[in-house]
Amino acid sequence: MFTRMNSPTSDERSLSTPRTLNCCQSLGQWLNIGAIGILSAVSAMLFIQLQAVSLRVSSNQSQINALKSQIESSANEIEVQVEKQRDFTVINMAGTFTLLSCLITMFHMTAHLRKMNQPFVQRKIIAILWMSPVYALTSFLSLTLPSGEPYLAIVKDFYESYVIYQFLSFLIAVLGRGDRNAVVMKLVRHAGHLKPPYKCLNCLFHPPPQESDEALANAVLLECQVLAMQFVFFRPATAILRFILEAGGSSGGGDNGDDNQWAYFYSPQFFVMMVQNVSVFLAFGGLLKFYHAVRDDLSWCQPFAKFLTIKGVVFMTFWQGLVINVIFHANENNADNESDDDATMSDSTSSTFTSASSIQNILICMEMLFFSVAHWCVFPAEEWEDGYKARVMSSPGFGFQDFASDVNLIIDSGKRSMQARREEKLRKSDDCATQATAPSYLSTSVINGVEDELDVNESFV
């Protein structure tokens, strides 16, 4: 009975089992709710921390971007300042060379003005000497005033053609001493070597060149003057026409593709260039024709050296500019493969003196200093004084000939010293031999003297 009272009945076990399950279920629900709440709280905290970190990162990123933009702007400002300083240095350098060239030329001109012994010749020389200052000043002003470069180029081209004619006038003045008839008479002496003038110029000749040698000489001289003078008019005209075509937008190039790569040869610029080249050819043809006819009569004043100092300016600037343009066009073709951003950045930071024309102008400013010195050497003012004799200038060298002569002098001195010592030794050896043989000779002479004295005494007795 005791065991029956302590052990639960089947009804009680059936009632306690659902209660236990309900308690377990409620406990599990509360545990799930607590876990969800804890996870929600942790997620909320992590979200808040993540938002705080993102805000901090965004603020730091904005500061980094601001600092980066500030550094880029500072770098751009520094590059701009460096470019300005470099441009200023280039202008100072070009201005210094231009000033020195002008000072040397002006001093040279004043020397001719002080010694104006032959005005009809020295006037032409002074006109030629203006070439270096004109080239230097127009190039320097093209650097400082880029907008006026086309107008200054016209001035430069005009004076180039004018100097070519002035050089022909200079040769005529030197040959005839201001008298044109004297020049004609000197050409008459070379009539057998003169080529007849162009038939298209026969309307300018009176009398006709077929009448006599004097008429032929007069026609040849007039032909040379006409051929040189046409260059004075055509060169500025072609320069102005080329400027008008460029200002009107006629570039004359083929920028639209490979189909237009030969478009330049059909452009107005090409025909203008051809006219200009024909004019140059005729001008130099007339100048060389006159020079070959009378070069023996002008050899004393070295006309070829004078011509080189004049045409050297023109040829050097032309070929130099051509080479610079070719190099720049090659660089531009390579730069076409780069991106637009890089091109924009390079354009924004590039110097104003990195174009082909700017470099050409800088080099001309520097070169005119050396040409002004060359003009000083080949156009001396003393050349036109009475009784002037051309000075023969020694060729430049390293002094090897003088050094060799000094070496030969030292070697000859050593040879003479050795010969003198050898002769001294021979003389001393001969003296020693003489002294060694002297006693035997002396004893023999004494004995012979005693014998002779005895013979004398015996004979006396």
Protein backbone atom coordinates (compact mmCIF):
# COMPACT_ATOMS: atom_id res chain seq x y z
CA MET A 1 0.00 0.00 0.00
CA PHE A 2 2.92 2.19 0.72
CA THR A 3 4.28 1.74 -2.73
CA ARG A 4 1.00 2.40 -4.23
CA MET A 5 0.67 5.64 -2.37
CA ASN A 6 4.12 6.91 -3.48
CA SER A 7 4.02 5.95 -7.16
CA PRO A 8 1.95 8.22 -9.39
CA THR A 9 -0.98 6.93 -11.10
CA SER A 10 -1.39 6.72 -14.80
CA ASP A 11 -3.77 9.70 -14.79
CA GLU A 12 -1.28 11.85 -12.99
CA ARG A 13 1.51 10.90 -15.44
CA SER A 14 -0.73 11.75 -18.34
CA LEU A 15 -1.44 15.18 -16.85
CA SER A 16 2.19 16.04 -15.96
CA THR A 17 3.62 15.20 -19.43
CA PRO A 18 1.82 17.99 -21.40
CA ARG A 19 2.63 20.47 -18.68
CA THR A 20 6.28 19.65 -18.95
CA LEU A 21 6.13 20.00 -22.71
CA ASN A 22 4.43 23.38 -22.39
CA CYS A 23 7.10 24.55 -20.01
CA CYS A 24 9.83 23.41 -22.38
CA GLN A 25 8.15 25.06 -25.32
CA SER A 26 7.66 28.33 -23.49
CA LEU A 27 11.26 28.20 -22.29
CA GLY A 28 12.45 27.59 -25.84
CA GLN A 29 10.35 30.47 -27.13
CA TRP A 30 11.76 32.78 -24.52
CA LEU A 31 15.23 31.63 -25.34
CA ASN A 32 14.59 32.25 -29.05
CA ILE A 33 13.16 35.67 -28.29
CA GLY A 34 16.19 36.48 -26.14
CA ALA A 35 18.62 35.27 -28.79
CA ILE A 36 16.80 37.26 -31.45
CA GLY A 37 16.87 40.32 -29.25
CA ILE A 38 20.54 39.88 -28.52
CA LEU A 39 21.27 39.39 -32.23
CA SER A 40 19.17 42.43 -33.09
CA ALA A 41 21.03 44.50 -30.51
CA VAL A 42 24.40 43.26 -31.78
CA SER A 43 23.32 43.91 -35.39
CA ALA A 44 22.15 47.39 -34.45
CA MET A 45 25.46 48.09 -32.74
CA LEU A 46 27.41 46.74 -35.69
CA PHE A 47 25.30 48.79 -38.08
CA ILE A 48 25.88 51.91 -36.03
CA GLN A 49 29.61 51.23 -35.92
CA LEU A 50 29.63 50.52 -39.66
CA GLN A 51 27.84 53.77 -40.37
CA ALA A 52 30.27 55.61 -38.14
CA VAL A 53 33.22 54.02 -39.93
CA SER A 54 31.71 54.81 -43.35
CA LEU A 55 31.14 58.40 -42.30
CA ARG A 56 34.69 58.61 -41.07
CA VAL A 57 36.00 57.04 -44.30
CA SER A 58 33.92 59.40 -46.44
CA SER A 59 35.17 62.38 -44.46
CA ASN A 60 38.73 61.12 -44.78
CA GLN A 61 38.19 60.49 -48.50
CA SER A 62 36.88 64.00 -48.96
CA GLN A 63 39.91 65.32 -47.12
CA ILE A 64 42.16 63.14 -49.28
CA ASN A 65 40.44 64.40 -52.45
CA ALA A 66 40.73 67.98 -51.26
CA LEU A 67 44.40 67.45 -50.45
CA LYS A 68 44.95 65.76 -53.80
CA SER A 69 43.28 68.58 -55.69
CA GLN A 70 45.30 71.08 -53.68
CA ILE A 71 48.52 69.23 -54.49
CA GLU A 72 47.58 69.09 -58.19
CA SER A 73 46.75 72.77 -58.27
CA SER A 74 50.00 73.56 -56.46
CA ALA A 75 51.92 71.38 -58.93
CA ASN A 76 50.23 73.11 -61.85
CA GLU A 77 51.03 76.51 -60.38
CA ILE A 78 54.64 75.47 -59.86
CA GLU A 79 54.83 74.21 -63.45
CA VAL A 80 53.33 77.45 -64.70
CA GLN A 81 55.82 79.46 -62.67
CA VAL A 82 58.69 77.32 -63.93
CA GLU A 83 57.53 77.77 -67.52
CA LYS A 84 57.22 81.51 -67.03
CA GLN A 85 60.69 81.66 -65.53
CA ARG A 86 62.08 79.59 -68.39
CA ASP A 87 60.34 81.79 -70.96
CA PHE A 88 61.72 84.86 -69.23
CA THR A 89 65.21 83.35 -69.31
CA VAL A 90 64.84 82.58 -73.01
CA ILE A 91 63.71 86.14 -73.72
CA ASN A 92 66.65 87.54 -71.74
CA MET A 93 69.10 85.32 -73.62
CA ALA A 94 67.65 86.20 -77.03
CA GLY A 95 67.56 89.88 -76.08
CA THR A 96 71.19 89.80 -74.98
CA PHE A 97 72.36 88.30 -78.27
CA THR A 98 70.20 90.75 -80.21
CA LEU A 99 71.59 93.72 -78.29
CA LEU A 100 75.20 92.60 -78.80
CA SER A 101 74.58 92.04 -82.51
CA CYS A 102 73.06 95.50 -82.88
CA LEU A 103 75.89 97.16 -80.93
CA ILE A 104 78.60 95.48 -83.01
CA THR A 105 76.84 96.39 -86.26
CA MET A 106 76.26 99.99 -85.18
CA PHE A 107 79.91 100.37 -84.20
CA HIS A 108 80.87 98.89 -87.58
CA MET A 109 78.62 101.37 -89.36
CA THR A 110 80.09 104.30 -87.46
CA ALA A 111 83.55 103.13 -88.52
CA HIS A 112 82.46 103.37 -92.16
CA LEU A 113 80.86 106.76 -91.54
CA ARG A 114 84.06 108.09 -89.98
CA LYS A 115 86.11 106.80 -92.91
CA MET A 116 83.75 107.55 -95.79
CA ASN A 117 86.49 107.60 -98.43
CA GLN A 118 84.37 106.10 -101.23
CA PRO A 119 80.70 106.97 -100.55
CA PHE A 120 79.38 105.29 -103.70
CA VAL A 121 80.71 101.96 -102.39
CA GLN A 122 80.35 102.34 -98.65
CA ARG A 123 76.68 103.35 -98.90
CA LYS A 124 76.01 99.89 -100.30
CA ILE A 125 78.03 98.32 -97.50
CA ILE A 126 76.03 100.13 -94.81
CA ALA A 127 72.80 98.94 -96.43
CA ILE A 128 74.13 95.36 -96.33
CA LEU A 129 75.25 95.68 -92.69
CA TRP A 130 71.65 96.34 -91.63
CA MET A 131 70.89 92.70 -92.38
CA SER A 132 71.99 91.32 -88.99
CA PRO A 133 70.05 93.87 -86.87
CA VAL A 134 66.92 93.45 -89.02
CA TYR A 135 66.96 89.68 -88.69
CA ALA A 136 67.76 89.79 -84.97
CA LEU A 137 65.16 92.43 -84.12
CA THR A 138 62.35 90.83 -86.14
CA SER A 139 63.07 87.44 -84.54
CA PHE A 140 63.18 88.94 -81.04
CA LEU A 141 59.94 90.86 -81.57
CA SER A 142 58.35 87.67 -82.90
CA LEU A 143 59.20 86.04 -79.55
CA THR A 144 57.80 88.85 -77.45
CA LEU A 145 54.83 89.61 -79.75
CA PRO A 146 53.73 86.30 -81.31
CA SER A 147 50.67 87.92 -82.88
CA GLY A 148 52.88 90.17 -85.01
CA GLU A 149 55.14 87.40 -86.31
CA PRO A 150 53.49 87.17 -89.79
CA TYR A 151 53.97 90.91 -90.36
CA LEU A 152 57.57 90.78 -89.15
CA ALA A 153 58.23 87.84 -91.49
CA ILE A 154 57.17 90.04 -94.41
CA VAL A 155 59.66 92.72 -93.32
CA LYS A 156 62.40 90.09 -93.03
CA ASP A 157 61.68 88.66 -96.49
CA PHE A 158 61.68 92.13 -98.04
CA TYR A 159 65.05 93.06 -96.58
CA GLU A 160 66.53 89.72 -97.62
CA SER A 161 65.66 90.40 -101.26
CA TYR A 162 66.80 94.02 -100.95
CA VAL A 163 70.22 92.97 -99.64
CA ILE A 164 70.71 90.60 -102.58
CA TYR A 165 70.22 93.50 -104.99
CA GLN A 166 72.41 95.76 -102.87
CA PHE A 167 75.22 93.23 -103.10
CA LEU A 168 75.02 93.33 -106.91
CA SER A 169 75.06 97.12 -106.72
CA PHE A 170 78.07 96.88 -104.42
CA LEU A 171 79.99 94.80 -106.98
CA ILE A 172 79.08 97.24 -109.75
CA ALA A 173 80.16 100.20 -107.62
CA VAL A 174 83.49 98.54 -106.73
CA LEU A 175 84.17 97.66 -110.34
CA GLY A 176 83.30 101.04 -111.83
CA ARG A 177 84.06 103.35 -108.89
CA GLY A 178 80.63 104.88 -109.34
CA ASP A 179 80.82 105.04 -113.15
CA ARG A 180 78.51 102.66 -115.02
CA ASN A 181 80.30 103.19 -118.32
CA ALA A 182 83.54 101.98 -116.71
CA VAL A 183 81.80 98.76 -115.73
CA VAL A 184 80.54 98.32 -119.28
CA MET A 185 84.04 98.82 -120.69
CA LYS A 186 85.45 96.19 -118.33
CA LEU A 187 82.73 93.79 -119.44
CA VAL A 188 83.67 94.52 -123.07
CA ARG A 189 87.09 93.01 -122.39
CA HIS A 190 85.31 89.76 -121.45
CA ALA A 191 82.81 89.93 -124.32
CA GLY A 192 83.99 86.58 -125.67
CA HIS A 193 82.90 84.86 -122.45
CA LEU A 194 79.58 86.66 -122.03
CA LYS A 195 76.40 84.72 -122.65
CA PRO A 196 73.70 86.56 -124.60
CA PRO A 197 70.86 87.83 -122.43
CA TYR A 198 67.38 86.32 -122.40
CA LYS A 199 65.42 87.14 -125.54
CA CYS A 200 62.36 88.04 -123.51
CA LEU A 201 64.29 91.06 -122.20
CA ASN A 202 65.27 92.42 -125.63
CA CYS A 203 62.62 95.12 -125.30
CA LEU A 204 64.71 96.68 -122.49
CA PHE A 205 68.00 96.83 -124.41
CA HIS A 206 69.01 99.82 -126.48
CA PRO A 207 71.01 99.46 -128.62
CA PRO A 208 70.37 95.74 -129.29
CA PRO A 209 73.11 93.45 -127.99
CA GLN A 210 73.87 92.13 -131.48
CA GLU A 211 75.26 95.47 -132.71
CA SER A 212 78.59 95.47 -130.89
CA ASP A 213 80.52 94.14 -127.94
CA GLU A 214 79.77 97.31 -126.00
CA ALA A 215 76.03 96.86 -126.61
CA LEU A 216 76.30 93.22 -125.49
CA ALA A 217 78.14 94.22 -122.31
CA ASN A 218 75.55 96.91 -121.57
CA ALA A 219 72.71 94.42 -122.16
CA VAL A 220 74.30 91.78 -119.89
CA LEU A 221 74.78 94.31 -117.10
CA LEU A 222 71.18 95.50 -117.42
CA GLU A 223 69.97 91.88 -117.50
CA CYS A 224 71.78 91.10 -114.22
CA GLN A 225 70.24 94.17 -112.61
CA VAL A 226 66.74 93.28 -113.80
CA LEU A 227 67.01 89.68 -112.60
CA ALA A 228 68.16 90.80 -109.16
CA MET A 229 65.60 93.61 -108.96
CA GLN A 230 62.59 91.39 -109.74
CA PHE A 231 63.40 89.43 -106.58
CA VAL A 232 63.02 92.63 -104.55
CA PHE A 233 59.40 92.92 -105.72
CA PHE A 234 58.37 89.28 -105.97
CA ARG A 235 59.64 88.13 -102.57
CA PRO A 236 57.54 90.58 -100.50
CA ALA A 237 54.56 90.03 -102.81
CA THR A 238 54.69 86.25 -102.34
CA ALA A 239 55.12 86.68 -98.58
CA ILE A 240 52.04 88.91 -98.41
CA LEU A 241 50.03 86.52 -100.59
CA ARG A 242 51.02 83.56 -98.41
CA PHE A 243 49.99 85.50 -95.30
CA ILE A 244 46.59 86.29 -96.86
CA LEU A 245 46.04 82.64 -97.77
CA GLU A 246 46.90 81.47 -94.26
CA ALA A 247 44.69 84.11 -92.69
CA GLY A 248 41.84 83.03 -94.97
CA GLY A 249 42.03 79.46 -93.68
CA SER A 250 43.64 77.86 -96.71
CA SER A 251 46.12 75.62 -94.94
CA GLY A 252 47.08 73.72 -98.06
CA GLY A 253 47.47 70.46 -96.19
CA GLY A 254 45.75 67.13 -96.22
CA ASP A 255 44.36 66.78 -92.71
CA ASN A 256 41.21 64.83 -93.58
CA GLY A 257 42.81 61.50 -94.37
CA ASP A 258 45.09 59.67 -96.70
CA ASP A 259 43.03 60.70 -99.72
CA ASN A 260 44.17 64.30 -99.25
CA GLN A 261 47.85 63.66 -98.54
CA TRP A 262 48.78 65.15 -101.93
CA ALA A 263 46.43 68.09 -101.55
CA TYR A 264 49.32 70.47 -100.80
CA PHE A 265 50.58 70.11 -104.37
CA TYR A 266 47.24 71.44 -105.60
CA SER A 267 46.97 74.23 -103.03
CA PRO A 268 47.64 77.93 -103.67
CA GLN A 269 50.55 77.81 -101.22
CA PHE A 270 52.39 75.38 -103.49
CA PHE A 271 52.09 77.65 -106.51
CA VAL A 272 53.19 80.66 -104.44
CA MET A 273 56.23 78.71 -103.31
CA MET A 274 57.05 77.73 -106.88
CA VAL A 275 56.85 81.36 -108.02
CA GLN A 276 59.11 82.35 -105.15
CA ASN A 277 61.67 79.66 -105.99
CA VAL A 278 61.72 80.69 -109.66
CA SER A 279 62.30 84.29 -108.58
CA VAL A 280 65.17 83.22 -106.32
CA PHE A 281 66.70 81.16 -109.12
CA LEU A 282 66.59 84.08 -111.56
CA ALA A 283 68.06 86.51 -109.01
CA PHE A 284 71.01 84.30 -108.19
CA GLY A 285 71.46 83.41 -111.81
CA GLY A 286 71.95 87.09 -112.67
CA LEU A 287 74.26 87.63 -109.68
CA LEU A 288 76.45 84.64 -110.54
CA LYS A 289 76.55 85.60 -114.22
CA PHE A 290 77.96 89.01 -113.34
CA TYR A 291 80.40 87.55 -110.81
CA HIS A 292 81.83 84.97 -113.22
CA ALA A 293 82.33 87.68 -115.84
CA VAL A 294 84.38 90.02 -113.63
CA ARG A 295 85.72 87.82 -110.80
CA ASP A 296 89.34 88.45 -111.82
CA ASP A 297 88.82 92.22 -111.60
CA LEU A 298 87.19 91.89 -108.14
CA SER A 299 89.53 89.32 -106.63
CA TRP A 300 91.36 91.94 -104.54
CA CYS A 301 88.28 92.64 -102.38
CA GLN A 302 87.35 88.96 -101.84
CA PRO A 303 83.77 89.17 -103.12
CA PHE A 304 83.05 85.47 -102.55
CA ALA A 305 83.68 85.76 -98.80
CA LYS A 306 81.39 88.78 -98.67
CA PHE A 307 78.72 86.89 -100.59
CA LEU A 308 78.94 83.95 -98.16
CA THR A 309 78.32 86.19 -95.15
CA ILE A 310 75.18 87.52 -96.84
CA LYS A 311 73.75 84.37 -98.32
CA GLY A 312 74.87 82.35 -95.32
CA VAL A 313 72.23 84.16 -93.27
CA VAL A 314 69.52 83.29 -95.77
CA PHE A 315 70.53 79.70 -96.41
CA MET A 316 71.18 78.91 -92.76
CA THR A 317 67.85 80.28 -91.62
CA PHE A 318 65.99 78.52 -94.45
CA TRP A 319 67.49 75.04 -94.03
CA GLN A 320 67.54 75.39 -90.28
CA GLY A 321 63.84 76.23 -90.24
CA LEU A 322 63.12 73.34 -92.62
CA VAL A 323 64.89 70.82 -90.34
CA ILE A 324 63.11 72.15 -87.24
CA ASN A 325 59.71 71.91 -88.97
CA VAL A 326 60.39 68.32 -90.05
CA ILE A 327 61.33 67.35 -86.49
CA PHE A 328 58.26 69.00 -85.02
CA HIS A 329 55.93 67.43 -87.57
CA ALA A 330 57.39 64.02 -86.75
CA ASN A 331 56.80 64.64 -83.04
CA GLU A 332 53.24 65.76 -83.72
CA ASN A 333 52.52 62.54 -85.63
CA ASN A 334 53.80 60.53 -82.68
CA ALA A 335 51.70 62.60 -80.28
CA ASP A 336 48.50 61.82 -82.22
CA ASN A 337 48.52 58.33 -80.72
CA GLU A 338 48.18 59.67 -77.17
CA SER A 339 44.91 60.30 -75.36
CA ASP A 340 43.05 63.59 -75.44
CA ASP A 341 43.53 64.07 -71.71
CA ASP A 342 47.28 63.77 -72.01
CA ALA A 343 47.25 66.14 -74.96
CA THR A 344 45.13 68.63 -73.00
CA MET A 345 47.45 68.40 -70.02
CA SER A 346 50.55 68.84 -72.18
CA ASP A 347 48.96 71.83 -73.90
CA SER A 348 48.08 73.43 -70.58
CA THR A 349 51.58 73.04 -69.18
CA SER A 350 53.64 73.49 -72.35
CA SER A 351 55.87 76.49 -72.80
CA THR A 352 55.01 79.21 -75.23
CA PHE A 353 58.50 78.85 -76.76
CA THR A 354 58.29 75.18 -77.71
CA SER A 355 56.93 75.73 -81.22
CA ALA A 356 59.06 75.39 -84.34
CA SER A 357 58.85 79.08 -85.19
CA SER A 358 59.83 80.11 -81.65
CA ILE A 359 62.91 77.88 -81.64
CA GLN A 360 63.81 79.21 -85.09
CA ASN A 361 63.56 82.80 -83.83
CA ILE A 362 65.70 82.03 -80.77
CA LEU A 363 68.43 80.48 -82.92
CA ILE A 364 68.36 83.42 -85.35
CA CYS A 365 68.84 85.87 -82.47
CA MET A 366 71.90 83.91 -81.37
CA GLU A 367 73.35 83.42 -84.85
CA MET A 368 73.12 87.06 -85.87
CA LEU A 369 75.79 87.90 -83.30
CA PHE A 370 78.27 85.69 -85.14
CA PHE A 371 77.21 87.04 -88.53
CA SER A 372 77.69 90.62 -87.33
CA VAL A 373 81.26 89.68 -86.34
CA ALA A 374 81.72 88.03 -89.76
CA HIS A 375 80.51 91.22 -91.46
CA TRP A 376 83.04 93.16 -89.41
CA CYS A 377 85.82 90.93 -90.75
CA VAL A 378 84.85 90.85 -94.45
CA PHE A 379 83.65 94.48 -94.77
CA PRO A 380 86.44 96.44 -93.03
CA ALA A 381 86.29 100.21 -93.20
CA GLU A 382 90.05 100.39 -93.91
CA GLU A 383 89.52 98.53 -97.18
CA TRP A 384 88.39 101.72 -98.92
CA GLU A 385 91.29 103.92 -97.87
CA ASP A 386 93.88 105.02 -100.42
CA GLY A 387 96.82 102.66 -100.64
CA TYR A 388 95.03 99.82 -98.89
CA LYS A 389 96.65 96.41 -99.19
CA ALA A 390 94.77 93.27 -98.44
CA ARG A 391 96.00 91.58 -95.31
CA VAL A 392 96.86 87.94 -95.64
CA MET A 393 95.41 86.16 -92.65
CA SER A 394 97.08 83.00 -91.48
CA SER A 395 94.97 79.93 -91.29
CA PRO A 396 93.92 78.96 -87.77
CA GLY A 397 95.67 75.99 -86.22
CA PHE A 398 96.92 74.41 -83.03
CA GLY A 399 100.52 75.68 -83.29
CA PHE A 400 101.92 72.26 -84.15
CA GLN A 401 104.39 73.78 -86.61
CA ASP A 402 105.88 76.07 -83.96
CA PHE A 403 106.02 73.19 -81.51
CA ALA A 404 107.83 71.02 -84.07
CA SER A 405 110.34 73.79 -84.75
CA ASP A 406 111.04 74.10 -81.03
CA VAL A 407 111.55 70.34 -80.78
CA ASN A 408 113.98 70.44 -83.74
CA LEU A 409 115.84 73.31 -82.07
CA ILE A 410 116.29 71.30 -78.88
CA ILE A 411 117.37 68.18 -80.80
CA ASP A 412 119.93 70.17 -82.87
CA SER A 413 121.27 71.77 -79.73
CA GLY A 414 121.72 68.32 -78.16
CA LYS A 415 123.47 67.04 -81.28
CA ARG A 416 125.86 70.02 -81.35
CA SER A 417 126.60 69.54 -77.64
CA MET A 418 127.37 65.84 -78.14
CA GLN A 419 129.61 66.63 -81.14
CA ALA A 420 131.50 69.25 -79.13
CA ARG A 421 132.05 66.84 -76.24
CA ARG A 422 133.24 64.13 -78.65
CA GLU A 423 135.70 66.53 -80.25
CA GLU A 424 136.90 67.63 -76.80
CA LYS A 425 137.54 64.02 -75.80
CA LEU A 426 139.50 63.39 -79.02
CA ARG A 427 141.58 66.50 -78.45
CA LYS A 428 142.36 65.50 -74.87
CA SER A 429 143.32 61.98 -75.94
CA ASP A 430 145.69 63.40 -78.59
CA ASP A 431 147.31 65.70 -76.01
CA CYS A 432 147.83 62.79 -73.63
CA ALA A 433 149.47 60.73 -76.36
CA THR A 434 151.77 63.62 -77.28
CA GLN A 435 152.84 64.09 -73.68
CA ALA A 436 153.54 60.34 -73.33
CA THR A 437 155.89 60.26 -76.35
CA ALA A 438 157.75 63.55 -75.59
CA PRO A 439 160.69 62.16 -73.30
CA SER A 440 161.99 59.58 -75.80
CA TYR A 441 162.17 62.21 -78.47
CA LEU A 442 163.92 64.55 -76.08
CA SER A 443 166.64 62.00 -75.06
CA THR A 444 167.35 61.13 -78.69
CA SER A 445 167.80 64.78 -79.57
CA VAL A 446 170.14 65.34 -76.62
CA ILE A 447 172.28 62.38 -77.58
CA ASN A 448 172.41 63.55 -81.17
CA GLY A 449 173.35 67.03 -79.99
CA VAL A 450 176.21 65.71 -77.81
CA GLU A 451 177.56 63.62 -80.65
CA ASP A 452 177.48 66.59 -82.98
CA GLU A 453 179.32 68.71 -80.41
CA LEU A 454 182.03 66.03 -80.00
CA ASP A 455 182.50 65.84 -83.75
CA VAL A 456 182.91 69.60 -83.90
CA ASN A 457 185.48 69.60 -81.11
CA GLU A 458 187.49 66.83 -82.74
CA SER A 459 187.54 68.65 -86.00
CA PHE A 460 188.66 71.83 -84.27
CA VAL A 461 191.45 69.98 -82.56
